[in-house]
Amino acid sequence: MHLAYNKLRINTFDKLAFPEKLFKDQDFSIRRDDHPFRFVQVEKTHLDARLRHQIQEWEKWTQDEYLLVYDKSCVIEPHAGWALTTDNQLIYPSLGFSRVEYLRKPLLEALRMRRQKLEEYEELISLRDTGEENYFHFYNDVLAKLFFLEEKLGLSSEVPVLISAKLYQRPVFQYFMQHPYLRERKWVVQGEQYIRSHKTYFCKPLTHTAHYYDRIRALVQPHDLLTAGPERRIFITRSPKRLRFIENGAQAEQVCRELGFEIVDFDTLSLPEQIQLMSQARYVIGIHGAGLTNMLFRGRQPMGLLEIYPPGDYYPFHYVLMATQLGYDYNGLIGSAGQQQYSGGFHVDVEELRQRATALLQR
């Protein structure tokens, strides 16, 4: 219902209340589209036909990359991080994926903020992002902006950096704040306050930029990267309290135990524990979810990954692409519809799970 309402509002009221600020290509320092799946060769022959078809579609898919230095005054609203010009036009490049139908526009109170006395900065980097509180998007879309700006502009670490209070307070952000690369910056933590900036850096790196994984690993506390020790087999489960859980999970877990896999739920582990575990994981079976992002902490050591998808018409690309970039063996298993209506659960064929897990161990 929210999606239908928001889509209707975007196409009617929001067009009048928040008209779009139009930019030309020459207004951007960088503005290009590219094909993320053409940078790597995904091995497809052993995959389910539905996944092979999905990857063929991804190979046609483009994504944008841009860097906009907006050198006029703008106001950044707190709820999503939208930036507005002095005449209340919406700056779409202020957020990555800003045209998605689920993203709310600013509150109407934003329209009068241009006349108010606000917290003010001469220069500001905005790390506000559409998916900023999500674990995966923190790595792929938020931290990556700092790396991107450093590479493209060589910006000083003295330039203040804007981030949402919700992300700033999350354990994942506070963990990485222990590293001088982040700790020594000037952070502008946006809670409920509107902020005015007179020169603002907005950017969106291309998704899944492979060499940024190494940059992220370099920010990890060294004692959490357990490169020595046992090569563990890990099955990442999800609680029935969450979406995308396996209804016949007990049977699936038993199959995995018989093959030597430890059963773990990342919701019960701290971030350092997740990093330590995945840095030692030689084989991983996991339900599609942000926890699989932790594979990057394995680095360039070998890994075999079996991703379990709920049934659907679309299978997300994040982890097949990441696994291929890191040189890991990848396979996927697609579940079937569950019996618990509206629960978010699905069913897994345990014999197919055993077959694919056994094949993974042999690669």
Protein backbone atom coordinates (compact mmCIF):
# COMPACT_ATOMS: atom_id res chain seq x y z
CA MET A 1 0.00 0.00 0.00
CA HIS A 2 2.85 2.38 0.83
CA LEU A 3 4.53 1.69 -2.51
CA ALA A 4 1.33 2.34 -4.46
CA TYR A 5 0.69 5.55 -2.51
CA ASN A 6 4.27 6.77 -2.88
CA LYS A 7 4.32 6.06 -6.63
CA LEU A 8 1.10 8.04 -7.06
CA ARG A 9 2.43 10.92 -4.98
CA ILE A 10 5.75 11.03 -6.88
CA ASN A 11 3.86 11.40 -10.17
CA THR A 12 1.43 14.05 -8.92
CA PHE A 13 1.93 16.15 -5.79
CA ASP A 14 5.71 15.80 -5.55
CA LYS A 15 6.20 17.09 -9.08
CA LEU A 16 4.59 20.34 -8.02
CA ALA A 17 6.01 20.62 -4.50
CA PHE A 18 9.54 19.43 -5.32
CA PRO A 19 10.39 20.10 -8.99
CA GLU A 20 13.62 18.57 -10.22
CA LYS A 21 16.77 20.64 -10.62
CA LEU A 22 17.97 19.82 -14.14
CA PHE A 23 21.66 19.28 -14.82
CA LYS A 24 23.61 18.93 -18.03
CA ASP A 25 26.37 16.38 -18.46
CA GLN A 26 28.97 19.15 -18.36
CA ASP A 27 27.78 20.12 -14.88
CA PHE A 28 29.31 16.89 -13.56
CA SER A 29 33.00 16.27 -13.00
CA ILE A 30 32.23 12.63 -13.86
CA ARG A 31 29.07 11.31 -15.49
CA ARG A 32 28.99 7.91 -17.19
CA ASP A 33 27.12 4.62 -17.48
CA ASP A 34 28.79 1.23 -17.57
CA HIS A 35 28.09 -2.52 -17.39
CA PRO A 36 29.23 -3.93 -14.00
CA PHE A 37 28.81 -7.53 -15.18
CA ARG A 38 31.13 -7.04 -18.15
CA PHE A 39 34.18 -6.52 -15.95
CA VAL A 40 34.19 -10.16 -14.81
CA GLN A 41 33.33 -13.48 -16.39
CA VAL A 42 30.73 -15.26 -14.25
CA GLU A 43 30.95 -19.05 -14.59
CA LYS A 44 27.38 -20.05 -15.49
CA THR A 45 27.45 -23.62 -16.84
CA HIS A 46 26.76 -25.28 -13.46
CA LEU A 47 24.00 -22.86 -12.40
CA ASP A 48 20.23 -23.32 -12.42
CA ALA A 49 18.71 -22.27 -15.76
CA ARG A 50 16.83 -19.47 -14.03
CA LEU A 51 20.07 -18.04 -12.66
CA ARG A 52 21.80 -18.37 -16.02
CA HIS A 53 18.97 -16.40 -17.61
CA GLN A 54 19.16 -13.76 -14.86
CA ILE A 55 22.91 -13.31 -15.38
CA GLN A 56 22.39 -12.92 -19.13
CA GLU A 57 19.98 -10.10 -18.35
CA TRP A 58 22.46 -8.52 -15.93
CA GLU A 59 25.13 -8.53 -18.65
CA LYS A 60 22.94 -6.07 -20.59
CA TRP A 61 22.32 -3.91 -17.53
CA THR A 62 24.00 -0.55 -16.99
CA GLN A 63 24.48 1.54 -13.90
CA ASP A 64 25.48 5.16 -13.52
CA GLU A 65 28.53 6.66 -11.89
CA TYR A 66 28.81 10.38 -11.21
CA LEU A 67 30.55 13.11 -9.27
CA LEU A 68 28.80 16.45 -8.86
CA VAL A 69 30.48 19.37 -7.12
CA TYR A 70 27.54 21.65 -6.40
CA ASP A 71 29.12 25.05 -5.75
CA LYS A 72 25.96 26.92 -4.81
CA SER A 73 24.06 26.97 -1.54
CA CYS A 74 21.74 24.08 -0.84
CA VAL A 75 19.76 22.75 2.10
CA ILE A 76 20.00 19.07 3.05
CA GLU A 77 16.95 17.68 4.80
CA PRO A 78 17.44 15.13 7.58
CA HIS A 79 15.02 12.30 6.88
CA ALA A 80 16.45 10.86 3.66
CA GLY A 81 19.29 13.26 2.88
CA TRP A 82 17.73 15.04 -0.10
CA ALA A 83 19.39 18.32 -1.08
CA LEU A 84 17.31 21.28 -2.26
CA THR A 85 18.43 24.37 -4.13
CA THR A 86 17.76 27.89 -2.83
CA ASP A 87 14.56 27.95 -4.92
CA ASN A 88 13.45 24.55 -3.59
CA GLN A 89 14.30 22.39 -6.56
CA LEU A 90 15.26 18.83 -5.73
CA ILE A 91 18.86 17.78 -6.49
CA TYR A 92 18.45 14.17 -7.59
CA PRO A 93 22.21 13.42 -7.62
CA SER A 94 22.25 14.15 -3.88
CA LEU A 95 21.17 10.52 -3.38
CA GLY A 96 22.13 7.36 -5.20
CA PHE A 97 19.12 5.50 -6.68
CA SER A 98 17.05 8.61 -6.00
CA ARG A 99 14.36 7.67 -8.52
CA VAL A 100 13.25 4.44 -6.84
CA GLU A 101 9.51 4.35 -6.17
CA TYR A 102 9.81 3.57 -2.45
CA LEU A 103 11.89 6.66 -1.60
CA ARG A 104 9.91 9.39 0.12
CA LYS A 105 10.38 13.01 -0.89
CA PRO A 106 11.15 15.64 1.78
CA LEU A 107 8.54 16.76 4.27
CA LEU A 108 6.70 19.95 3.34
CA GLU A 109 8.51 21.80 6.14
CA ALA A 110 11.63 21.60 3.95
CA LEU A 111 10.11 24.21 1.63
CA ARG A 112 10.50 26.99 4.19
CA MET A 113 13.96 26.07 5.43
CA ARG A 114 15.78 28.23 2.87
CA ARG A 115 14.76 31.29 4.93
CA GLN A 116 15.72 29.82 8.29
CA LYS A 117 18.96 30.10 10.22
CA LEU A 118 20.53 26.63 9.94
CA GLU A 119 23.67 24.72 10.85
CA GLU A 120 25.98 25.91 8.08
CA TYR A 121 29.15 24.74 6.29
CA GLU A 122 31.26 26.35 3.60
CA GLU A 123 32.20 22.92 2.20
CA LEU A 124 30.71 19.49 2.81
CA ILE A 125 30.92 15.89 1.58
CA SER A 126 27.53 14.19 1.67
CA LEU A 127 27.54 10.46 2.43
CA ARG A 128 23.77 10.40 2.72
CA ASP A 129 22.44 7.56 0.59
CA THR A 130 19.23 5.76 -0.27
CA GLY A 131 20.28 2.52 1.41
CA GLU A 132 22.58 4.04 4.03
CA GLU A 133 21.46 2.00 7.07
CA ASN A 134 21.75 -1.37 5.30
CA TYR A 135 24.89 -3.36 6.11
CA PHE A 136 25.67 -4.15 2.46
CA HIS A 137 25.00 -0.62 1.23
CA PHE A 138 27.21 0.85 3.95
CA TYR A 139 30.18 -0.88 2.33
CA ASN A 140 29.14 -0.68 -1.31
CA ASP A 141 27.56 2.78 -1.49
CA VAL A 142 28.56 4.84 1.58
CA LEU A 143 32.18 4.03 2.44
CA ALA A 144 32.87 3.72 -1.28
CA LYS A 145 32.04 7.41 -1.73
CA LEU A 146 34.99 8.42 0.42
CA PHE A 147 37.34 6.17 -1.55
CA PHE A 148 35.91 7.49 -4.82
CA LEU A 149 36.32 11.17 -3.88
CA GLU A 150 39.84 10.52 -2.66
CA GLU A 151 40.76 8.89 -5.99
CA LYS A 152 39.06 11.39 -8.27
CA LEU A 153 39.62 14.71 -6.48
CA GLY A 154 42.23 14.04 -3.82
CA LEU A 155 40.02 15.82 -1.31
CA SER A 156 41.57 16.77 1.98
CA SER A 157 40.52 14.77 5.03
CA GLU A 158 39.77 18.15 6.62
CA VAL A 159 36.58 18.58 4.55
CA PRO A 160 33.57 17.86 6.85
CA VAL A 161 31.64 14.68 6.08
CA LEU A 162 27.86 14.45 6.47
CA ILE A 163 26.31 11.20 7.67
CA SER A 164 22.94 10.24 9.16
CA ALA A 165 22.73 9.86 12.93
CA LYS A 166 21.11 6.43 12.54
CA LEU A 167 24.08 5.11 10.57
CA TYR A 168 26.62 6.87 12.80
CA GLN A 169 25.18 5.11 15.84
CA ARG A 170 25.15 1.65 14.29
CA PRO A 171 27.79 -0.81 15.59
CA VAL A 172 29.18 -1.36 12.09
CA PHE A 173 30.01 2.33 11.71
CA GLN A 174 31.43 2.67 15.21
CA TYR A 175 33.64 -0.36 14.59
CA PHE A 176 35.27 1.23 11.54
CA MET A 177 35.53 4.56 13.36
CA GLN A 178 38.34 2.95 15.36
CA HIS A 179 40.58 3.30 12.30
CA PRO A 180 42.35 6.66 11.84
CA TYR A 181 41.08 6.89 8.24
CA LEU A 182 37.61 7.60 9.62
CA ARG A 183 38.33 8.63 13.21
CA GLU A 184 40.40 11.66 12.26
CA ARG A 185 37.78 13.21 9.99
CA LYS A 186 35.30 15.90 10.96
CA TRP A 187 31.90 14.19 11.04
CA VAL A 188 28.65 16.12 10.72
CA VAL A 189 26.04 13.83 12.25
CA GLN A 190 22.58 14.68 10.95
CA GLY A 191 19.72 13.81 13.25
CA GLU A 192 16.64 16.02 12.91
CA GLN A 193 18.44 19.21 11.90
CA TYR A 194 18.45 20.75 8.43
CA ILE A 195 21.89 21.70 7.15
CA ARG A 196 23.02 24.39 4.74
CA SER A 197 26.13 23.88 2.63
CA HIS A 198 27.68 26.34 0.18
CA LYS A 199 29.81 23.80 -1.70
CA THR A 200 28.77 20.17 -1.60
CA TYR A 201 30.25 16.98 -3.02
CA PHE A 202 27.67 14.46 -4.23
CA CYS A 203 28.80 11.24 -5.86
CA LYS A 204 27.88 7.67 -6.70
CA PRO A 205 30.64 5.19 -7.58
CA LEU A 206 29.82 2.31 -9.88
CA THR A 207 28.40 -0.55 -7.86
CA HIS A 208 30.72 -3.38 -6.76
CA THR A 209 34.02 -1.63 -7.40
CA ALA A 210 36.32 -4.57 -6.76
CA HIS A 211 39.41 -2.82 -5.43
CA TYR A 212 37.33 -1.10 -2.74
CA TYR A 213 36.94 -4.48 -0.99
CA ASP A 214 40.66 -4.37 -0.19
CA ARG A 215 40.28 -0.79 1.08
CA ILE A 216 37.53 -1.95 3.46
CA ARG A 217 39.58 -4.89 4.72
CA ALA A 218 42.44 -2.47 5.43
CA LEU A 219 40.15 -0.67 7.93
CA VAL A 220 39.52 -3.85 9.94
CA GLN A 221 41.26 -4.31 13.29
CA PRO A 222 44.19 -6.64 12.45
CA HIS A 223 43.39 -9.10 15.24
CA ASP A 224 39.96 -9.74 13.69
CA LEU A 225 41.34 -11.05 10.37
CA LEU A 226 42.14 -14.64 11.31
CA THR A 227 44.06 -15.70 8.22
CA ALA A 228 45.57 -18.70 10.02
CA GLY A 229 43.74 -21.55 11.71
CA PRO A 230 41.05 -24.01 10.60
CA GLU A 231 39.29 -23.71 7.25
CA ARG A 232 35.75 -23.73 8.50
CA ARG A 233 32.47 -24.75 6.88
CA ILE A 234 29.66 -22.31 7.74
CA PHE A 235 25.90 -22.45 7.19
CA ILE A 236 24.33 -19.01 7.76
CA THR A 237 20.73 -19.37 8.86
CA ARG A 238 18.02 -16.77 9.53
CA SER A 239 15.47 -16.72 12.31
CA PRO A 240 11.75 -17.23 11.51
CA LYS A 241 11.31 -13.78 13.08
CA ARG A 242 12.86 -12.35 9.90
CA LEU A 243 11.94 -12.47 6.23
CA ARG A 244 13.63 -15.03 3.95
CA PHE A 245 13.87 -17.89 6.42
CA ILE A 246 13.74 -21.60 5.54
CA GLU A 247 10.54 -23.18 6.81
CA ASN A 248 12.09 -26.65 6.85
CA GLY A 249 15.24 -25.18 8.34
CA ALA A 250 15.80 -28.04 10.80
CA GLN A 251 16.09 -30.51 7.91
CA ALA A 252 18.37 -28.18 5.94
CA GLU A 253 20.60 -27.65 8.97
CA GLN A 254 20.84 -31.40 9.57
CA VAL A 255 22.06 -31.96 6.01
CA CYS A 256 24.69 -29.28 6.53
CA ARG A 257 25.81 -30.72 9.86
CA GLU A 258 26.28 -34.11 8.23
CA LEU A 259 28.63 -32.41 5.76
CA GLY A 260 30.64 -30.76 8.53
CA PHE A 261 29.07 -27.28 8.52
CA GLU A 262 28.67 -25.13 11.63
CA ILE A 263 25.23 -23.51 11.96
CA VAL A 264 25.39 -19.78 12.73
CA ASP A 265 22.91 -16.91 12.85
CA PHE A 266 24.71 -13.61 12.24
CA ASP A 267 21.99 -11.76 14.15
CA THR A 268 23.46 -13.29 17.31
CA LEU A 269 27.08 -12.33 16.53
CA SER A 270 28.92 -9.04 16.93
CA LEU A 271 30.60 -7.55 13.88
CA PRO A 272 34.11 -8.61 15.04
CA GLU A 273 32.79 -12.15 15.50
CA GLN A 274 31.33 -12.13 11.98
CA ILE A 275 34.59 -10.85 10.52
CA GLN A 276 36.63 -13.45 12.39
CA LEU A 277 34.31 -16.26 11.32
CA MET A 278 34.19 -15.35 7.63
CA SER A 279 37.92 -14.74 7.42
CA GLN A 280 38.34 -18.44 8.27
CA ALA A 281 35.42 -19.75 6.20
CA ARG A 282 36.53 -22.02 3.38
CA TYR A 283 32.97 -22.99 2.47
CA VAL A 284 29.82 -20.98 3.10
CA ILE A 285 26.15 -21.80 2.57
CA GLY A 286 23.81 -18.93 3.28
CA ILE A 287 20.36 -17.54 2.66
CA HIS A 288 20.42 -14.43 0.46
CA GLY A 289 20.93 -11.46 2.78
CA ALA A 290 23.32 -8.71 3.83
CA GLY A 291 25.29 -11.11 6.02
CA LEU A 292 26.85 -12.61 2.91
CA THR A 293 28.65 -9.30 2.41
CA ASN A 294 31.06 -10.56 5.09
CA MET A 295 32.66 -12.76 2.43
CA LEU A 296 34.89 -9.78 1.59
CA PHE A 297 36.75 -10.40 4.86
CA ARG A 298 38.01 -13.70 3.48
CA GLY A 299 40.11 -11.57 1.15
CA ARG A 300 41.87 -13.36 -1.70
CA GLN A 301 41.93 -16.73 0.03
CA PRO A 302 39.83 -19.48 -1.61
CA MET A 303 36.16 -19.80 -0.73
CA GLY A 304 33.21 -21.76 -2.03
CA LEU A 305 29.80 -20.07 -1.66
CA LEU A 306 26.32 -21.57 -2.10
CA GLU A 307 23.65 -18.86 -1.96
CA ILE A 308 20.07 -19.93 -1.20
CA TYR A 309 17.39 -17.78 -2.83
CA PRO A 310 13.70 -17.61 -1.97
CA PRO A 311 11.50 -18.27 -5.03
CA GLY A 312 10.67 -15.31 -7.24
CA ASP A 313 10.89 -13.77 -10.67
CA TYR A 314 14.09 -11.88 -9.90
CA TYR A 315 17.29 -13.06 -8.22
CA PRO A 316 19.53 -10.26 -6.86
CA PHE A 317 23.02 -9.95 -8.30
CA HIS A 318 25.02 -8.66 -5.34
CA TYR A 319 26.74 -11.80 -4.13
CA VAL A 320 27.30 -13.68 -7.37
CA LEU A 321 29.10 -10.58 -8.63
CA MET A 322 31.07 -10.03 -5.42
CA ALA A 323 32.06 -13.71 -5.20
CA THR A 324 33.26 -13.72 -8.80
CA GLN A 325 35.29 -10.55 -8.29
CA LEU A 326 36.98 -12.12 -5.26
CA GLY A 327 37.77 -15.30 -7.17
CA TYR A 328 35.43 -17.57 -5.19
CA ASP A 329 33.54 -20.62 -6.43
CA TYR A 330 29.84 -19.75 -6.57
CA ASN A 331 26.63 -21.71 -6.87
CA GLY A 332 23.00 -20.90 -6.20
CA LEU A 333 19.97 -22.85 -5.04
CA ILE A 334 16.42 -21.56 -5.54
CA GLY A 335 13.78 -22.56 -3.01
CA SER A 336 10.07 -23.10 -3.50
CA ALA A 337 7.00 -21.44 -2.04
CA GLY A 338 6.49 -21.93 1.68
CA GLN A 339 3.33 -23.11 3.41
CA GLN A 340 3.15 -20.40 6.09
CA GLN A 341 1.26 -17.64 4.33
CA TYR A 342 2.56 -14.07 4.82
CA SER A 343 5.46 -15.31 6.97
CA GLY A 344 8.26 -14.54 4.52
CA GLY A 345 9.39 -18.16 4.70
CA PHE A 346 10.15 -20.58 1.89
CA HIS A 347 10.95 -24.26 1.43
CA VAL A 348 14.24 -25.87 0.38
CA ASP A 349 14.58 -29.26 -1.32
CA VAL A 350 16.99 -30.92 1.11
CA GLU A 351 18.22 -33.48 -1.40
CA GLU A 352 19.07 -30.71 -3.87
CA LEU A 353 20.80 -28.89 -0.99
CA ARG A 354 22.85 -32.01 -0.22
CA GLN A 355 23.78 -32.41 -3.90
CA ARG A 356 24.84 -28.82 -4.40
CA ALA A 357 26.68 -28.63 -1.08
CA THR A 358 28.58 -31.82 -1.89
CA ALA A 359 29.50 -30.44 -5.32
CA LEU A 360 30.69 -27.22 -3.66
CA LEU A 361 33.03 -29.16 -1.39
CA GLN A 362 34.57 -30.86 -4.38
CA ARG A 363 35.41 -27.70 -6.33
